[in-house]
Amino acid sequence: MKKIKTLLINHQDSFTRNVQAWLALGGCDVDVCDDLNGVVLNQYDFLVLGPGPGHPKDWPATLSLMKKWKKKPILGICLGCQLIVYYFGGSVEKNGDPCHGENVEMHHDKSFFLEYDSPLLVTRYNSLMIGKQLPSGLIKLGLSESGDVLACKAVDKDWVGMLFHPDSFLSEVKFNARWFFN
């Protein structure tokens, strides 16, 4: 199978190289981008919005890039997931109970994570959470025991957000190109 030409946006997070390795193990040819100026989008098949600090509104260049990306596949991890929710008009709020390296059981939609039993053990590293009510352009794919959204998908695009870190050695999730490419 041909390697998937992938652009990984580095939001200044120490997990960026873990994400890069996780994607490479899953069949992606990954370029890590630290500066969005001059990025040639049409040479990529897949965009990954990496984890990072802050609120989605702190990353206007990434939000602008998402508008240009159109309907090609996107995977958002942690902050990247929050960026997708924010892009669609959803809320991203302080969590009151920050999680940094906490394993959580995610009850999920087997149509997306079909190779995994539910619940699936995932690892969270975030201080901000997605509002429990997603905007109309998104659907829930995975929830914590307390009903927090841990994974979501766009209704009319191949855009998926994972609030957890699938790249963490504590998570049980491996990258699957089938999620985006058939």
Protein backbone atom coordinates (compact mmCIF):
# COMPACT_ATOMS: atom_id res chain seq x y z
CA MET A 1 0.00 0.00 0.00
CA LYS A 2 1.20 3.49 -0.86
CA LYS A 3 2.22 5.61 2.14
CA ILE A 4 -0.26 8.36 2.98
CA LYS A 5 1.36 11.79 2.48
CA THR A 6 0.59 13.45 5.82
CA LEU A 7 1.06 16.95 7.21
CA LEU A 8 1.27 17.00 11.01
CA ILE A 9 0.82 20.45 12.57
CA ASN A 10 3.09 20.90 15.57
CA HIS A 11 1.34 23.02 18.19
CA GLN A 12 4.50 23.14 20.31
CA ASP A 13 3.75 19.98 22.24
CA SER A 14 6.20 17.38 23.52
CA PHE A 15 3.94 14.61 22.15
CA THR A 16 4.34 15.75 18.52
CA ARG A 17 7.14 13.26 17.81
CA ASN A 18 5.11 10.48 19.45
CA VAL A 19 2.23 11.32 17.09
CA GLN A 20 4.65 11.32 14.15
CA ALA A 21 5.94 7.84 15.08
CA TRP A 22 2.40 6.54 15.70
CA LEU A 23 1.32 7.72 12.22
CA ALA A 24 4.45 6.32 10.55
CA LEU A 25 3.79 2.90 12.12
CA GLY A 26 0.30 3.12 10.61
CA GLY A 27 1.55 3.72 7.06
CA CYS A 28 1.89 7.50 6.83
CA ASP A 29 4.76 9.47 5.29
CA VAL A 30 4.75 12.36 7.79
CA ASP A 31 6.05 15.91 7.45
CA VAL A 32 5.98 17.87 10.72
CA CYS A 33 5.14 21.54 10.25
CA ASP A 34 6.17 24.10 12.86
CA ASP A 35 5.32 27.17 10.75
CA LEU A 36 2.23 27.28 8.54
CA ASN A 37 3.58 30.08 6.31
CA GLY A 38 4.26 28.76 2.83
CA VAL A 39 2.71 25.31 3.36
CA VAL A 40 1.67 23.77 0.02
CA LEU A 41 -1.51 21.94 0.97
CA ASN A 42 -2.18 20.18 -2.32
CA GLN A 43 0.85 17.92 -1.87
CA TYR A 44 -0.79 16.23 1.15
CA ASP A 45 -3.58 13.67 1.40
CA PHE A 46 -4.07 13.85 5.15
CA LEU A 47 -3.87 16.59 7.77
CA VAL A 48 -3.21 15.84 11.44
CA LEU A 49 -3.81 18.58 13.98
CA GLY A 50 -1.39 17.71 16.75
CA PRO A 51 -1.76 18.25 20.48
CA GLY A 52 -0.62 21.42 22.21
CA PRO A 53 -1.24 23.98 24.91
CA GLY A 54 -3.92 26.61 25.09
CA HIS A 55 -7.39 27.07 23.69
CA PRO A 56 -8.27 26.62 19.99
CA LYS A 57 -8.79 30.39 19.64
CA ASP A 58 -5.04 30.73 20.43
CA TRP A 59 -4.24 29.00 17.11
CA PRO A 60 -5.81 31.22 14.39
CA ALA A 61 -3.35 30.07 11.71
CA THR A 62 -4.49 26.46 12.17
CA LEU A 63 -8.17 27.46 12.05
CA SER A 64 -7.47 29.35 8.82
CA LEU A 65 -5.66 26.33 7.36
CA MET A 66 -8.66 24.13 8.19
CA LYS A 67 -10.88 26.41 6.06
CA LYS A 68 -8.53 25.91 3.10
CA TRP A 69 -8.32 22.14 3.60
CA LYS A 70 -11.95 21.66 2.49
CA LYS A 71 -13.15 18.02 2.56
CA LYS A 72 -9.86 16.09 2.70
CA PRO A 73 -9.39 13.92 5.82
CA ILE A 74 -8.31 15.47 9.12
CA LEU A 75 -7.43 13.81 12.41
CA GLY A 76 -7.31 16.04 15.48
CA ILE A 77 -5.54 14.81 18.60
CA CYS A 78 -6.23 16.50 21.96
CA LEU A 79 -5.93 20.22 21.05
CA GLY A 80 -6.53 19.08 17.46
CA CYS A 81 -9.87 17.58 18.51
CA GLN A 82 -10.74 20.80 20.33
CA LEU A 83 -9.85 22.76 17.16
CA ILE A 84 -12.32 20.66 15.13
CA VAL A 85 -15.09 21.21 17.70
CA TYR A 86 -14.33 24.95 17.87
CA TYR A 87 -14.24 25.17 14.05
CA PHE A 88 -17.80 23.81 13.96
CA GLY A 89 -18.94 26.31 16.62
CA GLY A 90 -18.80 24.03 19.65
CA SER A 91 -17.62 24.96 23.11
CA VAL A 92 -14.25 24.14 24.63
CA GLU A 93 -14.10 24.86 28.36
CA LYS A 94 -11.92 24.43 31.42
CA ASN A 95 -12.30 21.01 32.91
CA GLY A 96 -12.10 21.62 36.67
CA ASP A 97 -10.40 18.22 36.84
CA PRO A 98 -7.35 18.35 34.54
CA CYS A 99 -6.08 14.98 33.33
CA HIS A 100 -2.42 14.48 32.57
CA GLY A 101 -1.59 10.85 31.91
CA GLU A 102 -4.90 9.49 33.16
CA ASN A 103 -6.32 6.28 31.71
CA VAL A 104 -10.05 6.44 31.01
CA GLU A 105 -12.48 3.89 29.66
CA MET A 106 -14.09 5.18 26.47
CA HIS A 107 -17.44 3.73 25.47
CA HIS A 108 -17.47 4.06 21.72
CA ASP A 109 -19.30 3.66 18.47
CA LYS A 110 -18.20 0.29 17.06
CA SER A 111 -18.80 1.52 13.49
CA PHE A 112 -15.66 3.66 13.74
CA PHE A 113 -13.46 1.86 16.27
CA LEU A 114 -14.69 -1.51 15.01
CA GLU A 115 -11.47 -3.39 15.78
CA TYR A 116 -11.75 -2.48 19.49
CA ASP A 117 -14.05 -3.66 22.23
CA SER A 118 -16.04 -1.07 24.12
CA PRO A 119 -15.02 0.26 26.54
CA LEU A 120 -11.57 0.99 25.17
CA LEU A 121 -8.74 2.18 27.43
CA VAL A 122 -7.47 5.61 26.30
CA THR A 123 -5.13 8.15 27.89
CA ARG A 124 -6.00 11.80 28.46
CA TYR A 125 -3.64 14.73 28.82
CA ASN A 126 -5.90 17.78 28.81
CA SER A 127 -7.15 20.64 30.92
CA LEU A 128 -9.90 21.70 28.51
CA MET A 129 -12.96 19.64 27.66
CA ILE A 130 -15.46 19.69 24.84
CA GLY A 131 -18.97 20.77 25.75
CA LYS A 132 -21.29 17.78 26.22
CA GLN A 133 -23.58 19.16 23.50
CA LEU A 134 -21.79 18.99 20.15
CA PRO A 135 -22.72 21.35 17.32
CA SER A 136 -24.98 19.93 14.61
CA GLY A 137 -22.07 19.29 12.21
CA LEU A 138 -20.48 16.73 14.57
CA ILE A 139 -21.45 13.37 16.01
CA LYS A 140 -20.13 11.62 19.12
CA LEU A 141 -17.92 8.56 18.59
CA GLY A 142 -16.75 7.98 22.15
CA LEU A 143 -17.74 9.01 25.67
CA SER A 144 -16.24 8.64 29.12
CA GLU A 145 -18.19 6.94 31.91
CA SER A 146 -19.36 10.40 33.03
CA GLY A 147 -20.55 11.38 29.53
CA ASP A 148 -17.59 13.56 28.48
CA VAL A 149 -16.99 13.54 24.72
CA LEU A 150 -13.67 11.81 24.01
CA ALA A 151 -14.03 11.31 20.25
CA CYS A 152 -16.18 12.89 17.54
CA LYS A 153 -16.58 12.97 13.77
CA ALA A 154 -17.86 15.50 11.26
CA VAL A 155 -21.15 14.58 9.63
CA ASP A 156 -20.20 15.57 6.07
CA LYS A 157 -16.37 15.36 6.10
CA ASP A 158 -13.75 12.78 7.03
CA TRP A 159 -12.72 14.85 10.04
CA VAL A 160 -12.23 12.96 13.29
CA GLY A 161 -11.24 14.31 16.69
CA MET A 162 -9.77 12.30 19.54
CA LEU A 163 -9.54 14.22 22.80
CA PHE A 164 -7.31 11.47 24.15
CA HIS A 165 -3.76 10.61 23.04
CA PRO A 166 -3.82 7.49 20.85
CA ASP A 167 -0.05 7.95 20.51
CA SER A 168 0.53 7.40 24.24
CA PHE A 169 2.04 4.06 25.15
CA LEU A 170 -0.79 3.77 27.69
CA SER A 171 -3.51 3.89 25.00
CA GLU A 172 -4.68 0.77 23.20
CA VAL A 173 -5.35 2.53 19.85
CA LYS A 174 -3.30 1.99 16.69
CA PHE A 175 -3.62 4.23 13.63
CA ASN A 176 -5.87 2.65 11.01
CA ALA A 177 -5.90 4.17 7.52
CA ARG A 178 -9.34 2.60 7.03
CA TRP A 179 -10.71 5.34 9.26
CA PHE A 180 -10.07 7.82 6.43
CA PHE A 181 -9.04 5.94 3.28
CA ASN A 182 -10.80 2.89 1.81
